[in-house]
Structure formats: structure tokens, C-alpha cells
Amino acid sequence: MKDKESGEEKEGRHFSFRVGPESAGARLDRFLAEQPEILEAHLSRTRLKNLIET
């Protein structure tokens, strides 16, 4: 991932989640957007959706 201001490569962040039965059938972008780690990283649901689609 490139830093918008400097154009330099940045190391990406990696996340790992377990999906419980109560979340079965949920949209992935919505599920992820509700996770504390994602909230702390300030990733919007739109950004998550774009990452999923790429």
C-alpha cells in the first residue's frame, strides 16, 4: 500500500477473525465494519467493500 502524501510503500495491516453462527449469512463488509480492530483502524464499510472486491 502506498502512503498518499509521500508515495512510499507502507506495510499493510493484517486482521484475522472468527465468524460465529450468529453472524452466518451476514454481509462480509458489514460484519467486518462492526469489529473493534476495524473500527480502531478507521476503515469505512465502503473501503472494506472495495478491498473485498479487489
N, C-alpha and C. Protein backbone atom coordinates (compact mmCIF):
# COMPACT_ATOMS: atom_id res chain seq x y z
N MET A 1 0.84 -1.17 0.00
CA MET A 1 0.00 0.00 0.00
C MET A 1 0.89 1.23 0.00
N LYS A 2 0.50 2.26 -0.77
CA LYS A 2 1.31 3.48 -0.83
C LYS A 2 0.72 4.55 0.07
N ASP A 3 1.60 5.29 0.72
CA ASP A 3 1.20 6.44 1.52
C ASP A 3 0.75 7.54 0.55
N LYS A 4 -0.41 8.13 0.80
CA LYS A 4 -0.95 9.14 -0.12
C LYS A 4 -0.06 10.36 -0.24
N GLU A 5 0.55 10.78 0.85
CA GLU A 5 1.35 12.01 0.82
C GLU A 5 2.75 11.78 0.26
N SER A 6 3.44 10.75 0.73
CA SER A 6 4.83 10.56 0.32
C SER A 6 4.96 9.67 -0.91
N GLY A 7 3.96 8.85 -1.20
CA GLY A 7 4.04 7.93 -2.32
C GLY A 7 4.89 6.71 -2.02
N GLU A 8 5.39 6.60 -0.78
CA GLU A 8 6.23 5.47 -0.39
C GLU A 8 5.36 4.27 -0.02
N GLU A 9 5.93 3.10 -0.22
CA GLU A 9 5.24 1.88 0.16
C GLU A 9 5.15 1.77 1.67
N LYS A 10 3.96 1.39 2.17
CA LYS A 10 3.76 1.16 3.60
C LYS A 10 3.43 -0.31 3.79
N GLU A 11 3.79 -0.82 4.93
CA GLU A 11 3.43 -2.19 5.25
C GLU A 11 1.95 -2.24 5.57
N GLY A 12 1.24 -3.20 5.00
CA GLY A 12 -0.19 -3.33 5.25
C GLY A 12 -0.47 -3.97 6.60
N ARG A 13 -1.68 -3.80 7.05
CA ARG A 13 -2.11 -4.42 8.30
C ARG A 13 -2.86 -5.69 7.98
N HIS A 14 -2.73 -6.68 8.83
CA HIS A 14 -3.41 -7.95 8.65
C HIS A 14 -4.34 -8.18 9.83
N PHE A 15 -5.52 -8.67 9.54
CA PHE A 15 -6.52 -8.95 10.56
C PHE A 15 -6.98 -10.39 10.40
N SER A 16 -7.39 -10.98 11.50
CA SER A 16 -7.93 -12.33 11.49
C SER A 16 -9.15 -12.36 12.40
N PHE A 17 -10.25 -12.94 11.91
CA PHE A 17 -11.50 -13.00 12.68
C PHE A 17 -12.10 -14.39 12.58
N ARG A 18 -12.82 -14.76 13.61
CA ARG A 18 -13.63 -15.98 13.58
C ARG A 18 -15.09 -15.54 13.49
N VAL A 19 -15.81 -16.18 12.60
CA VAL A 19 -17.22 -15.85 12.41
C VAL A 19 -18.05 -16.90 13.11
N GLY A 20 -18.83 -16.46 14.09
CA GLY A 20 -19.69 -17.37 14.84
C GLY A 20 -21.00 -17.63 14.11
N PRO A 21 -21.74 -18.62 14.58
CA PRO A 21 -23.01 -18.98 13.93
C PRO A 21 -24.01 -17.82 13.90
N GLU A 22 -23.93 -16.92 14.89
CA GLU A 22 -24.86 -15.78 14.92
C GLU A 22 -24.62 -14.80 13.77
N SER A 23 -23.46 -14.88 13.14
CA SER A 23 -23.14 -13.99 12.02
C SER A 23 -23.28 -14.67 10.67
N ALA A 24 -23.70 -15.93 10.68
CA ALA A 24 -23.86 -16.66 9.42
C ALA A 24 -24.87 -15.94 8.53
N GLY A 25 -24.53 -15.78 7.28
CA GLY A 25 -25.41 -15.13 6.33
C GLY A 25 -25.27 -13.62 6.28
N ALA A 26 -24.47 -13.04 7.16
CA ALA A 26 -24.28 -11.58 7.17
C ALA A 26 -23.37 -11.18 6.02
N ARG A 27 -23.56 -9.97 5.54
CA ARG A 27 -22.64 -9.44 4.51
C ARG A 27 -21.27 -9.27 5.14
N LEU A 28 -20.24 -9.65 4.41
CA LEU A 28 -18.89 -9.61 4.93
C LEU A 28 -18.46 -8.19 5.30
N ASP A 29 -18.77 -7.21 4.45
CA ASP A 29 -18.37 -5.83 4.75
C ASP A 29 -19.04 -5.33 6.03
N ARG A 30 -20.30 -5.68 6.25
CA ARG A 30 -21.00 -5.26 7.47
C ARG A 30 -20.41 -5.95 8.70
N PHE A 31 -20.15 -7.25 8.58
CA PHE A 31 -19.55 -7.98 9.70
C PHE A 31 -18.22 -7.36 10.09
N LEU A 32 -17.36 -7.13 9.10
CA LEU A 32 -16.04 -6.57 9.38
C LEU A 32 -16.13 -5.17 9.96
N ALA A 33 -17.02 -4.35 9.45
CA ALA A 33 -17.15 -2.96 9.92
C ALA A 33 -17.53 -2.87 11.39
N GLU A 34 -18.11 -3.93 11.94
CA GLU A 34 -18.52 -3.94 13.35
C GLU A 34 -17.42 -4.42 14.28
N GLN A 35 -16.31 -4.91 13.75
CA GLN A 35 -15.25 -5.46 14.58
C GLN A 35 -14.39 -4.34 15.18
N PRO A 36 -14.06 -4.44 16.48
CA PRO A 36 -13.28 -3.39 17.15
C PRO A 36 -11.96 -3.06 16.45
N GLU A 37 -11.27 -4.06 15.93
CA GLU A 37 -9.99 -3.82 15.27
C GLU A 37 -10.17 -2.96 14.02
N ILE A 38 -11.25 -3.18 13.31
CA ILE A 38 -11.54 -2.40 12.10
C ILE A 38 -11.93 -0.98 12.46
N LEU A 39 -12.72 -0.84 13.53
CA LEU A 39 -13.10 0.50 13.99
C LEU A 39 -11.87 1.30 14.39
N GLU A 40 -10.94 0.66 15.09
CA GLU A 40 -9.71 1.33 15.51
C GLU A 40 -8.84 1.72 14.32
N ALA A 41 -8.90 0.95 13.26
CA ALA A 41 -8.10 1.23 12.05
C ALA A 41 -8.77 2.28 11.16
N HIS A 42 -9.97 2.71 11.53
CA HIS A 42 -10.70 3.74 10.79
C HIS A 42 -10.96 3.34 9.34
N LEU A 43 -11.33 2.07 9.14
CA LEU A 43 -11.67 1.59 7.81
C LEU A 43 -13.19 1.67 7.64
N SER A 44 -13.64 2.38 6.63
CA SER A 44 -15.08 2.51 6.39
C SER A 44 -15.61 1.24 5.73
N ARG A 45 -16.93 1.08 5.79
CA ARG A 45 -17.54 -0.07 5.14
C ARG A 45 -17.31 0.00 3.63
N THR A 46 -17.31 1.19 3.07
CA THR A 46 -17.04 1.35 1.64
C THR A 46 -15.63 0.90 1.30
N ARG A 47 -14.66 1.28 2.12
CA ARG A 47 -13.27 0.86 1.90
C ARG A 47 -13.15 -0.65 2.03
N LEU A 48 -13.81 -1.23 3.02
CA LEU A 48 -13.79 -2.68 3.19
C LEU A 48 -14.36 -3.37 1.96
N LYS A 49 -15.48 -2.86 1.46
CA LYS A 49 -16.11 -3.45 0.28
C LYS A 49 -15.16 -3.40 -0.91
N ASN A 50 -14.47 -2.28 -1.09
CA ASN A 50 -13.50 -2.16 -2.19
C ASN A 50 -12.35 -3.14 -2.03
N LEU A 51 -11.87 -3.32 -0.81
CA LEU A 51 -10.79 -4.28 -0.56
C LEU A 51 -11.25 -5.71 -0.85
N ILE A 52 -12.48 -6.02 -0.48
CA ILE A 52 -13.02 -7.36 -0.71
C ILE A 52 -13.14 -7.64 -2.21
N GLU A 53 -13.54 -6.63 -2.96
CA GLU A 53 -13.77 -6.81 -4.40
C GLU A 53 -12.49 -6.86 -5.22
N THR A 54 -11.35 -6.44 -4.63
CA THR A 54 -10.11 -6.46 -5.41
C THR A 54 -9.36 -7.74 -5.23
